[in-house]
Amino acid sequence: MGDFDELYLLAGGQPGSGGSTPRVSQLALNGVPLASGYTSLLAGDVVRLQGAPLRTGFTLTGLLAQESHFAARTQDDDEEDDEEEGELALLIFAARTDQAPGTAAVVFDAKLGKPLPAGLLTLSNQAEVEAPALPARPSDDPATLESGDATRTPLLGSPDLRATQRMRLLNDLDHDGRAGGGDRLEVRVTVDNPGSAPSHGVELLEAIPAHTRVVPGSVSTTAGSILSADPLLVRIGTLLPLYPPISLVPAHLADATAIPNLLAAGGAIRFATEARIGRSSEWELAMMREPFVTTDGTFNSTDFDDWTSSAHVSFTLTYDGANQVRMKLSRGSARASIANLPAHDLVGDFDELYLRTRATNSGSRIVVDNLVLDGLPVDGTSSAINLIGDARDVLRIRGGRLGDGFTLTGRITLHWTGTKPKGSQLDLLIWGARGGPAGLGTASVVYQLDVDSPLPAGVDAIRSQGQVTSDEQPVLVTRDPAKLQTGTSTALPADGGHL
């Protein structure tokens, strides 16, 4: 995936006897026109594109046309050319060079022993790269947000705890950006479980940093209970997997407004997009903050008037992991696209998708199928077939890393007899939701510290580090996410010196 750095473009086929030739022109990569040497491509010629942008995602556009060599033709010539017109084809190959410029890849296989040692739940490996005149740098796991961390591979059905710790100034009496006597600090410890099974008996133990005191009543946790403030001891309990496997949960509802009732306590709808037969019989796309809310300034819509009974229309729903959701429809050359309004704050805190179909007219139906989530087929369908009365169907997709960004594609098929439906009588609604309380796979412990006054001379930093234990894993020390090294303490500069 992404392991290529070259594109080969070949305009192929046989020119027709009338003197026409396939031609590729107006090439642009990521919106930037290519150099003059790449702007034209005749039949049989090959253009090779190279460069780093190909590895990280790209968009290549251009014009493919059949070009005639003659300025004028007779009617007989036209008829003859119609019979012997050349083929028009463009082949594009994506490739990886053996030695990509600026990149070196080292690949090796590792075989697990059998049987595995008792208690082995996670494989961890990390390399170190050295070069003359440069400091050594550890390899990084690209699947995590931390930089310079080891690549950890949970074994089947095993937990995998992570713990990070941050410290910041809440009150800086002398405004020098350093901890001093009488200042107040905040410490935040985050423990999560990116593994594939629950972690039980999770506890956090932390000695209070020297030259500080815990602010009474300041200790809080999002999971478990606080046993002691000094030393800090929090019994977190069980942490569920942060990214549970993708699962499908079909649900049949008599009333579309009952969908929020499927959410667990603490759940919430984060966005809603609707593809529907509009009031004026055109197909319409809409995006809103909450289902059925179209009057609070968060409603956006566009038209897509290219729908006939039994026709297939493709859709693409994308979320960028930040604050943009976009829905696209396409059929042939017809396109429609819509995104949430800028004021709609998403922040990625959802882990479920609901696909609800509805058919209100007798004899009508809507089927949503051919679903693919992030390149993997989803074995599920939402299908509302109106036999008697109003018909609704819901497919719920939950788990995975939906809140980190995703692409969902599929196909919508409508069918009706007689007069074309209108006014949302046939529609597809997709909700992004948080299925339950945020942080089922994570716990945050926060407490405040007052710095002793006066701060002894020579104290150059306030340092803090905790330990996390569980029933399944050995002791894990917290790390500062701002540093490359794992297991590093969190330190805040103090008035007595420099870090």
Protein backbone atom coordinates (compact mmCIF):
# COMPACT_ATOMS: atom_id res chain seq x y z
CA MET A 1 0.00 0.00 0.00
CA GLY A 2 1.64 3.23 -1.13
CA ASP A 3 4.81 1.34 -2.01
CA PHE A 4 5.27 2.79 -5.46
CA ASP A 5 7.05 5.87 -6.77
CA GLU A 6 6.61 5.70 -10.53
CA LEU A 7 3.77 5.95 -13.03
CA TYR A 8 4.01 4.80 -16.65
CA LEU A 9 1.51 6.23 -19.16
CA LEU A 10 1.11 4.42 -22.48
CA ALA A 11 -1.33 5.60 -25.16
CA GLY A 12 -1.95 2.43 -27.13
CA GLY A 13 -4.03 0.97 -29.91
CA GLN A 14 -3.90 1.00 -33.71
CA PRO A 15 -4.38 4.27 -35.62
CA GLY A 16 -7.37 4.18 -37.94
CA SER A 17 -7.00 4.24 -41.71
CA GLY A 18 -8.46 7.74 -41.72
CA GLY A 19 -5.31 9.10 -40.13
CA SER A 20 -6.32 9.44 -36.44
CA THR A 21 -4.07 8.83 -33.44
CA PRO A 22 -4.74 8.52 -29.71
CA ARG A 23 -3.28 11.50 -27.84
CA VAL A 24 -2.88 12.31 -24.14
CA SER A 25 -2.50 15.96 -23.19
CA GLN A 26 -3.03 18.52 -20.41
CA LEU A 27 -1.46 16.30 -17.76
CA ALA A 28 -1.45 17.70 -14.23
CA LEU A 29 -0.26 16.08 -10.98
CA ASN A 30 -1.99 17.30 -7.81
CA GLY A 31 -3.31 20.28 -9.75
CA VAL A 32 0.14 21.35 -11.03
CA PRO A 33 0.68 21.12 -14.82
CA LEU A 34 3.55 18.84 -15.71
CA ALA A 35 6.67 20.03 -17.48
CA SER A 36 6.46 20.68 -21.21
CA GLY A 37 8.05 17.34 -21.98
CA TYR A 38 5.06 15.58 -20.42
CA THR A 39 2.21 17.55 -21.93
CA SER A 40 1.78 15.44 -25.07
CA LEU A 41 1.87 11.72 -25.66
CA LEU A 42 1.47 10.05 -29.06
CA ALA A 43 0.44 6.45 -29.68
CA GLY A 44 3.10 3.99 -28.65
CA ASP A 45 5.05 6.55 -26.59
CA VAL A 46 5.60 6.09 -22.86
CA VAL A 47 5.85 8.79 -20.22
CA ARG A 48 7.37 7.93 -16.84
CA LEU A 49 6.52 10.04 -13.81
CA GLN A 50 8.73 9.77 -10.73
CA GLY A 51 8.82 11.39 -7.33
CA ALA A 52 7.93 11.30 -3.65
CA PRO A 53 4.33 12.65 -4.00
CA LEU A 54 3.31 9.37 -5.59
CA ARG A 55 3.99 7.53 -2.32
CA THR A 56 1.80 9.78 -0.18
CA GLY A 57 -1.31 9.96 -2.38
CA PHE A 58 -1.91 11.89 -5.59
CA THR A 59 -4.41 12.97 -8.23
CA LEU A 60 -3.43 12.79 -11.90
CA THR A 61 -5.66 14.45 -14.49
CA GLY A 62 -5.44 14.73 -18.25
CA LEU A 63 -7.25 14.62 -21.57
CA LEU A 64 -7.49 11.48 -23.71
CA ALA A 65 -8.66 12.13 -27.28
CA GLN A 66 -8.62 10.73 -30.82
CA GLU A 67 -6.74 13.28 -32.92
CA SER A 68 -7.23 13.56 -36.68
CA HIS A 69 -4.33 14.27 -39.04
CA PHE A 70 -6.53 15.93 -41.67
CA ALA A 71 -7.98 19.42 -41.78
CA ALA A 72 -10.85 18.51 -44.17
CA ARG A 73 -12.58 15.28 -45.19
CA THR A 74 -15.21 14.22 -47.68
CA GLN A 75 -18.44 12.52 -46.71
CA ASP A 76 -17.15 9.25 -48.18
CA ASP A 77 -14.00 9.59 -46.10
CA ASP A 78 -16.08 10.02 -42.96
CA GLU A 79 -18.11 6.91 -43.68
CA GLU A 80 -14.97 4.90 -44.35
CA ASP A 81 -13.35 6.13 -41.14
CA ASP A 82 -16.42 5.13 -39.18
CA GLU A 83 -15.84 1.58 -40.33
CA GLU A 84 -12.09 1.54 -39.65
CA GLU A 85 -11.64 3.87 -36.68
CA GLY A 86 -8.54 3.18 -34.60
CA GLU A 87 -8.69 1.94 -31.04
CA LEU A 88 -8.45 4.51 -28.26
CA ALA A 89 -6.71 3.34 -25.08
CA LEU A 90 -4.56 4.62 -22.24
CA LEU A 91 -2.71 2.24 -19.92
CA ILE A 92 -1.33 3.51 -16.61
CA PHE A 93 1.05 1.36 -14.58
CA ALA A 94 2.06 2.11 -10.98
CA ALA A 95 5.45 0.71 -10.02
CA ARG A 96 8.09 0.70 -7.34
CA THR A 97 11.71 1.19 -8.29
CA ASP A 98 14.31 -1.19 -6.91
CA GLN A 99 16.24 1.73 -5.49
CA ALA A 100 13.91 4.64 -4.80
CA PRO A 101 15.85 7.93 -4.54
CA GLY A 102 16.16 9.03 -0.93
CA THR A 103 14.64 5.83 0.43
CA ALA A 104 16.00 2.50 1.61
CA ALA A 105 13.80 -0.41 2.61
CA VAL A 106 14.97 -3.34 4.72
CA VAL A 107 12.63 -6.31 4.84
CA PHE A 108 12.95 -9.48 6.89
CA ASP A 109 10.67 -12.26 8.11
CA ALA A 110 10.30 -13.37 11.72
CA LYS A 111 8.75 -16.69 12.65
CA LEU A 112 7.00 -17.19 15.97
CA GLY A 113 8.13 -20.09 18.08
CA LYS A 114 5.68 -22.82 18.96
CA PRO A 115 4.44 -22.98 21.62
CA LEU A 116 4.62 -19.30 22.60
CA PRO A 117 6.02 -18.56 26.05
CA ALA A 118 3.41 -18.14 28.75
CA GLY A 119 2.45 -14.49 29.22
CA LEU A 120 3.72 -13.34 25.80
CA LEU A 121 0.94 -11.05 24.57
CA THR A 122 2.72 -8.48 22.40
CA LEU A 123 5.65 -8.48 20.00
CA SER A 124 7.76 -5.33 20.06
CA ASN A 125 10.63 -4.43 17.75
CA GLN A 126 12.55 -1.26 17.01
CA ALA A 127 15.59 -0.37 14.94
CA GLU A 128 18.12 2.41 15.35
CA VAL A 129 19.55 4.33 12.42
CA GLU A 130 22.99 5.93 12.62
CA ALA A 131 24.86 8.19 10.21
CA PRO A 132 28.09 10.20 10.41
CA ALA A 133 27.66 13.59 12.11
CA LEU A 134 24.02 12.81 12.96
CA PRO A 135 22.54 11.52 16.22
CA ALA A 136 21.10 8.03 16.25
CA ARG A 137 17.34 7.91 15.64
CA PRO A 138 14.98 5.09 16.60
CA SER A 139 12.51 3.69 14.08
CA ASP A 140 8.87 4.73 14.42
CA ASP A 141 5.57 2.87 14.36
CA PRO A 142 3.53 4.73 11.69
CA ALA A 143 0.28 3.31 13.08
CA THR A 144 0.52 5.42 16.25
CA LEU A 145 0.50 9.15 16.93
CA GLU A 146 3.69 9.01 19.02
CA SER A 147 6.99 9.55 17.24
CA GLY A 148 9.97 7.28 17.73
CA ASP A 149 8.02 4.51 19.45
CA ALA A 150 8.61 0.81 18.97
CA THR A 151 6.38 -1.14 16.59
CA ARG A 152 4.13 -3.27 18.76
CA THR A 153 2.12 -6.14 17.36
CA PRO A 154 -0.51 -7.54 19.71
CA LEU A 155 -0.93 -11.27 19.38
CA LEU A 156 -4.38 -12.62 18.63
CA GLY A 157 -6.83 -11.66 21.33
CA SER A 158 -4.32 -9.78 23.51
CA PRO A 159 -4.32 -6.32 25.15
CA ASP A 160 -1.57 -3.76 24.64
CA LEU A 161 -1.35 -0.85 27.07
CA ARG A 162 0.20 2.57 26.36
CA ALA A 163 0.77 5.36 28.88
CA THR A 164 1.74 8.97 28.25
CA GLN A 165 2.18 11.87 30.64
CA ARG A 166 2.10 15.63 30.11
CA MET A 167 2.75 18.54 32.46
CA ARG A 168 1.89 22.22 31.99
CA LEU A 169 1.81 25.49 33.92
CA LEU A 170 -1.62 26.59 35.11
CA ASN A 171 -0.50 29.68 37.08
CA ASP A 172 2.86 31.30 36.31
CA LEU A 173 3.25 34.02 38.91
CA ASP A 174 6.33 35.68 37.39
CA HIS A 175 5.31 34.95 33.74
CA ASP A 176 8.70 33.49 32.83
CA GLY A 177 7.35 30.22 31.42
CA ARG A 178 9.17 28.20 34.10
CA ALA A 179 7.93 26.50 37.25
CA GLY A 180 8.74 28.64 40.31
CA GLY A 181 7.75 28.95 43.92
CA GLY A 182 3.98 29.33 44.33
CA ASP A 183 3.18 28.31 40.71
CA ARG A 184 0.48 25.72 40.02
CA LEU A 185 0.98 22.84 37.55
CA GLU A 186 -1.34 20.34 35.89
CA VAL A 187 -0.31 16.74 35.21
CA ARG A 188 -2.30 14.56 32.80
CA VAL A 189 -1.69 10.82 32.43
CA THR A 190 -3.41 8.98 29.59
CA VAL A 191 -3.61 5.19 29.50
CA ASP A 192 -5.16 3.41 26.53
CA ASN A 193 -5.41 -0.07 25.06
CA PRO A 194 -4.82 -0.27 21.28
CA GLY A 195 -4.74 -4.08 21.52
CA SER A 196 -7.36 -6.58 20.45
CA ALA A 197 -8.66 -7.74 23.85
CA PRO A 198 -9.61 -6.09 27.16
CA SER A 199 -6.92 -5.35 29.72
CA HIS A 200 -7.94 -6.15 33.31
CA GLY A 201 -6.78 -4.91 36.69
CA VAL A 202 -5.19 -1.73 35.30
CA GLU A 203 -3.69 0.55 37.98
CA LEU A 204 -1.64 3.76 37.91
CA LEU A 205 0.90 4.44 40.67
CA GLU A 206 2.88 7.67 40.74
CA ALA A 207 5.08 9.37 43.31
CA ILE A 208 4.37 13.07 43.66
CA PRO A 209 7.28 15.11 42.19
CA ALA A 210 9.79 16.56 44.62
CA HIS A 211 9.23 20.17 45.76
CA THR A 212 5.50 20.00 44.98
CA ARG A 213 2.22 19.26 46.81
CA VAL A 214 -1.03 17.84 45.46
CA VAL A 215 -3.82 20.43 45.39
CA PRO A 216 -6.59 19.00 47.59
CA GLY A 217 -9.55 17.74 45.57
CA SER A 218 -7.78 18.17 42.22
CA VAL A 219 -7.33 14.49 41.36
CA SER A 220 -9.83 13.14 38.80
CA THR A 221 -10.10 10.08 36.57
CA THR A 222 -12.37 9.22 33.66
CA ALA A 223 -12.34 5.53 34.59
CA GLY A 224 -12.13 3.61 37.85
CA SER A 225 -11.58 5.06 41.32
CA ILE A 226 -8.96 7.11 43.19
CA LEU A 227 -7.45 5.16 46.08
CA SER A 228 -4.82 7.67 47.17
CA ALA A 229 -3.66 11.19 46.25
CA ASP A 230 -0.12 11.05 47.70
CA PRO A 231 1.31 8.81 46.43
CA LEU A 232 -1.13 8.85 43.55
CA LEU A 233 -2.86 5.50 43.18
CA VAL A 234 -5.77 5.05 40.75
CA ARG A 235 -7.48 1.73 40.13
CA ILE A 236 -8.61 2.09 36.51
CA GLY A 237 -9.98 -1.43 36.24
CA THR A 238 -10.75 -2.85 32.79
CA LEU A 239 -9.81 -1.02 29.58
CA LEU A 240 -11.61 -2.24 26.48
CA PRO A 241 -9.81 -2.26 23.10
CA LEU A 242 -9.40 1.27 21.82
CA TYR A 243 -10.11 0.11 18.27
CA PRO A 244 -12.58 -2.79 18.42
CA PRO A 245 -12.94 -4.90 15.24
CA ILE A 246 -15.41 -3.67 12.63
CA SER A 247 -18.77 -5.32 13.14
CA LEU A 248 -22.19 -5.12 11.47
CA VAL A 249 -25.38 -4.85 13.48
CA PRO A 250 -28.56 -5.00 11.37
CA ALA A 251 -31.55 -3.27 12.98
CA HIS A 252 -35.10 -2.85 11.71
CA LEU A 253 -36.98 0.20 12.91
CA ALA A 254 -40.60 1.22 12.56
CA ASP A 255 -39.69 4.89 12.96
CA ALA A 256 -36.55 6.58 11.66
CA THR A 257 -36.51 8.97 14.62
CA ALA A 258 -35.87 5.93 16.84
CA ILE A 259 -32.29 5.57 15.58
CA PRO A 260 -30.83 7.65 18.45
CA ASN A 261 -32.44 5.13 20.79
CA LEU A 262 -29.94 2.54 19.52
CA LEU A 263 -27.10 4.54 21.06
CA ALA A 264 -25.76 3.51 24.42
CA ALA A 265 -26.01 5.92 27.34
CA GLY A 266 -23.73 8.86 26.63
CA GLY A 267 -23.80 8.32 22.85
CA ALA A 268 -24.51 11.14 20.42
CA ILE A 269 -25.07 11.78 16.71
CA ARG A 270 -22.08 13.73 15.35
CA PHE A 271 -23.13 14.32 11.73
CA ALA A 272 -25.90 13.33 9.35
CA THR A 273 -25.91 13.24 5.57
CA GLU A 274 -28.94 12.47 3.41
CA ALA A 275 -29.29 11.45 -0.23
CA ARG A 276 -32.96 11.72 -1.16
CA ILE A 277 -35.58 12.41 -3.75
CA GLY A 278 -36.08 16.13 -3.26
CA ARG A 279 -39.21 18.23 -3.13
CA SER A 280 -38.95 19.13 -6.81
CA SER A 281 -38.37 15.52 -7.92
CA GLU A 282 -34.60 16.02 -8.25
CA TRP A 283 -32.19 13.83 -6.31
CA GLU A 284 -30.76 15.90 -3.49
CA LEU A 285 -27.79 15.68 -1.15
CA ALA A 286 -27.96 17.27 2.30
CA MET A 287 -25.52 17.57 5.21
CA MET A 288 -26.54 18.61 8.72
CA ARG A 289 -25.32 18.61 12.29
CA GLU A 290 -28.18 16.54 13.68
CA PRO A 291 -30.83 14.37 12.00
CA PHE A 292 -33.95 16.25 10.95
CA VAL A 293 -32.48 19.65 11.93
CA THR A 294 -32.43 21.99 8.93
CA THR A 295 -33.03 25.45 10.42
CA ASP A 296 -30.10 26.12 12.76
CA GLY A 297 -27.52 27.25 10.21
CA THR A 298 -25.84 23.86 9.95
CA PHE A 299 -27.82 22.59 6.96
CA ASN A 300 -26.29 22.38 3.49
CA SER A 301 -27.70 20.84 0.30
CA THR A 302 -27.12 20.40 -3.43
CA ASP A 303 -29.01 18.80 -6.34
CA PHE A 304 -28.27 15.72 -8.42
CA ASP A 305 -30.94 15.37 -11.10
CA ASP A 306 -29.75 12.28 -12.94
CA TRP A 307 -31.74 9.39 -11.51
CA THR A 308 -34.04 6.93 -13.19
CA SER A 309 -35.83 3.87 -11.82
CA SER A 310 -33.52 0.85 -11.36
CA ALA A 311 -30.39 2.90 -12.16
CA HIS A 312 -27.24 2.40 -10.09
CA VAL A 313 -25.62 5.45 -8.50
CA SER A 314 -22.26 5.26 -6.72
CA PHE A 315 -21.58 7.12 -3.50
CA THR A 316 -18.44 7.95 -1.54
CA LEU A 317 -18.46 9.15 2.06
CA THR A 318 -15.12 10.38 3.41
CA TYR A 319 -14.01 11.74 6.76
CA ASP A 320 -10.57 13.35 7.05
CA GLY A 321 -10.06 12.58 10.74
CA ALA A 322 -10.43 16.25 11.67
CA ASN A 323 -13.44 18.41 10.83
CA GLN A 324 -14.58 17.57 7.31
CA VAL A 325 -17.09 15.01 6.09
CA ARG A 326 -17.86 14.86 2.37
CA MET A 327 -20.51 12.89 0.47
CA LYS A 328 -20.29 12.37 -3.30
CA LEU A 329 -22.70 10.87 -5.83
CA SER A 330 -21.79 9.81 -9.37
CA ARG A 331 -23.47 8.16 -12.33
CA GLY A 332 -21.77 8.35 -15.69
CA SER A 333 -20.62 11.94 -16.13
CA ALA A 334 -23.04 13.31 -13.53
CA ARG A 335 -21.53 14.35 -10.22
CA ALA A 336 -22.68 15.89 -6.95
CA SER A 337 -20.70 16.62 -3.80
CA ILE A 338 -21.45 18.16 -0.42
CA ALA A 339 -19.51 18.78 2.80
CA ASN A 340 -20.37 19.87 6.31
CA LEU A 341 -20.29 23.59 7.03
CA PRO A 342 -17.11 24.99 8.65
CA ALA A 343 -18.94 25.74 11.90
CA HIS A 344 -19.70 22.06 12.39
CA ASP A 345 -17.08 20.80 14.88
CA LEU A 346 -16.50 17.02 14.60
CA VAL A 347 -13.17 16.35 16.35
CA GLY A 348 -13.39 12.66 15.38
CA ASP A 349 -15.19 11.44 18.46
CA PHE A 350 -17.42 8.84 16.80
CA ASP A 351 -17.12 5.10 16.34
CA GLU A 352 -20.33 4.08 14.56
CA LEU A 353 -21.99 4.59 11.19
CA TYR A 354 -25.71 4.08 10.61
CA LEU A 355 -27.02 3.52 7.06
CA ARG A 356 -30.79 3.97 7.04
CA THR A 357 -32.90 3.41 3.92
CA ARG A 358 -36.55 4.38 3.54
CA ALA A 359 -39.25 3.73 0.92
CA THR A 360 -42.66 5.27 1.58
CA ASN A 361 -44.56 4.58 -1.68
CA SER A 362 -46.15 1.23 -2.40
CA GLY A 363 -44.07 -0.78 -4.87
CA SER A 364 -40.93 1.33 -4.36
CA ARG A 365 -37.62 0.19 -2.94
CA ILE A 366 -34.07 1.39 -2.24
CA VAL A 367 -31.06 -0.89 -1.89
CA VAL A 368 -27.60 0.14 -0.66
CA ASP A 369 -24.95 -2.50 -1.33
CA ASN A 370 -21.40 -3.10 -2.65
CA LEU A 371 -20.09 -1.45 0.52
CA VAL A 372 -16.33 -1.05 0.92
CA LEU A 373 -14.77 0.54 4.02
CA ASP A 374 -11.16 1.68 3.68
CA GLY A 375 -10.58 -0.77 0.83
CA LEU A 376 -12.12 -3.78 2.59
CA PRO A 377 -15.51 -5.20 1.50
CA VAL A 378 -18.31 -4.88 4.04
CA ASP A 379 -20.62 -7.87 3.97
CA GLY A 380 -23.82 -5.98 4.63
CA THR A 381 -26.78 -4.35 2.87
CA SER A 382 -29.40 -1.80 3.85
CA SER A 383 -32.56 -2.48 1.87
CA ALA A 384 -36.02 -0.92 2.31
CA ILE A 385 -38.69 -2.62 0.18
CA ASN A 386 -42.19 -1.17 0.44
CA LEU A 387 -44.78 -3.92 0.27
CA ILE A 388 -47.35 -2.60 2.71
CA GLY A 389 -46.94 0.81 4.32
CA ASP A 390 -43.74 2.66 5.18
CA ALA A 391 -40.52 0.60 4.96
CA ARG A 392 -37.26 1.36 6.80
CA ASP A 393 -34.04 -0.58 7.34
CA VAL A 394 -30.84 0.23 9.22
CA LEU A 395 -27.33 -1.21 8.94
CA ARG A 396 -24.99 -0.24 11.77
CA ILE A 397 -21.21 -0.36 11.24
CA ARG A 398 -19.20 -0.02 14.43
CA GLY A 399 -15.63 -0.33 15.68
CA GLY A 400 -12.29 0.11 13.97
CA ARG A 401 -10.69 3.53 13.62
CA LEU A 402 -13.66 5.46 12.23
CA GLY A 403 -12.78 8.49 14.34
CA ASP A 404 -9.31 8.62 12.76
CA GLY A 405 -10.74 9.06 9.25
CA PHE A 406 -12.30 6.68 6.73
CA THR A 407 -13.64 6.23 3.21
CA LEU A 408 -16.90 4.35 2.68
CA THR A 409 -18.05 3.59 -0.86
CA GLY A 410 -21.13 1.81 -2.12
CA ARG A 411 -23.98 1.67 -4.59
CA ILE A 412 -27.51 3.04 -4.30
CA THR A 413 -30.31 1.57 -6.43
CA LEU A 414 -33.81 3.03 -6.50
CA HIS A 415 -36.90 1.47 -8.05
CA TRP A 416 -40.42 2.75 -8.44
CA THR A 417 -43.44 2.28 -10.67
CA GLY A 418 -45.63 5.02 -12.05
CA THR A 419 -44.97 8.59 -10.94
CA LYS A 420 -41.44 9.36 -9.75
CA PRO A 421 -41.39 9.80 -5.96
CA LYS A 422 -40.56 13.17 -4.43
CA GLY A 423 -40.30 14.87 -1.07
CA SER A 424 -37.93 12.28 0.51
CA GLN A 425 -40.21 9.36 -0.34
CA LEU A 426 -37.04 7.44 -1.27
CA ASP A 427 -33.86 8.27 0.64
CA LEU A 428 -30.64 7.13 2.26
CA LEU A 429 -29.47 8.70 5.50
CA ILE A 430 -26.03 8.08 6.98
CA TRP A 431 -25.24 9.03 10.57
CA GLY A 432 -21.83 9.22 12.18
CA ALA A 433 -22.22 8.68 15.91
CA ARG A 434 -20.45 8.09 19.15
CA GLY A 435 -22.01 4.85 20.28
CA GLY A 436 -21.44 5.30 24.00
CA PRO A 437 -19.37 7.24 26.52
CA ALA A 438 -16.15 8.49 24.97
CA GLY A 439 -13.00 6.74 26.11
CA LEU A 440 -14.10 3.15 26.76
CA GLY A 441 -10.63 2.12 25.61
CA THR A 442 -8.81 4.97 27.34
CA ALA A 443 -8.52 6.55 30.78
CA SER A 444 -7.29 10.03 31.70
CA VAL A 445 -6.05 10.87 35.18
CA VAL A 446 -5.55 14.57 35.93
CA TYR A 447 -4.21 16.27 39.05
CA GLN A 448 -2.77 19.64 40.06
CA LEU A 449 0.43 20.49 41.95
CA ASP A 450 1.53 23.56 43.89
CA VAL A 451 5.27 24.28 43.71
CA ASP A 452 7.00 24.82 47.07
CA SER A 453 7.89 28.42 47.87
CA PRO A 454 10.64 29.25 47.94
CA LEU A 455 11.93 26.73 45.41
CA PRO A 456 15.39 25.53 46.51
CA ALA A 457 18.32 26.85 44.49
CA GLY A 458 19.66 24.51 41.87
CA VAL A 459 16.29 22.87 41.06
CA ASP A 460 16.22 23.10 37.29
CA ALA A 461 13.11 21.05 36.58
CA ILE A 462 10.03 19.42 38.05
CA ARG A 463 10.06 15.80 36.92
CA SER A 464 7.27 13.24 37.02
CA GLN A 465 6.82 9.64 35.93
CA GLY A 466 4.32 6.95 36.81
CA GLN A 467 3.93 3.19 36.51
CA VAL A 468 1.02 1.27 35.02
CA THR A 469 0.34 -2.35 35.94
CA SER A 470 -2.27 -4.84 34.77
CA ASP A 471 -3.12 -8.52 35.12
CA GLU A 472 -1.74 -9.37 31.68
CA GLN A 473 1.36 -7.21 31.15
CA PRO A 474 4.56 -6.32 33.02
CA VAL A 475 5.09 -2.91 34.59
CA LEU A 476 4.83 -0.08 32.05
CA VAL A 477 6.34 3.34 32.79
CA THR A 478 4.71 6.48 31.44
CA ARG A 479 6.49 8.40 28.69
CA ASP A 480 6.61 11.98 27.53
CA PRO A 481 4.94 12.02 24.06
CA ALA A 482 7.01 15.08 23.10
CA LYS A 483 10.22 13.03 23.25
CA LEU A 484 11.41 10.35 20.85
CA GLN A 485 12.75 7.99 23.50
CA THR A 486 10.34 5.59 25.14
CA GLY A 487 10.06 5.47 28.93
CA THR A 488 11.22 9.09 29.35
CA SER A 489 10.06 11.13 32.33
CA THR A 490 8.02 14.28 31.89
CA ALA A 491 9.91 17.41 32.92
CA LEU A 492 8.97 21.09 33.20
CA PRO A 493 11.75 23.72 33.38
CA ALA A 494 12.08 25.34 36.80
CA ASP A 495 13.56 28.66 38.00
CA GLY A 496 16.65 27.07 39.53
CA GLY A 497 18.36 26.19 36.23
CA HIS A 498 17.92 24.98 32.67
CA LEU A 499 16.96 21.61 31.18
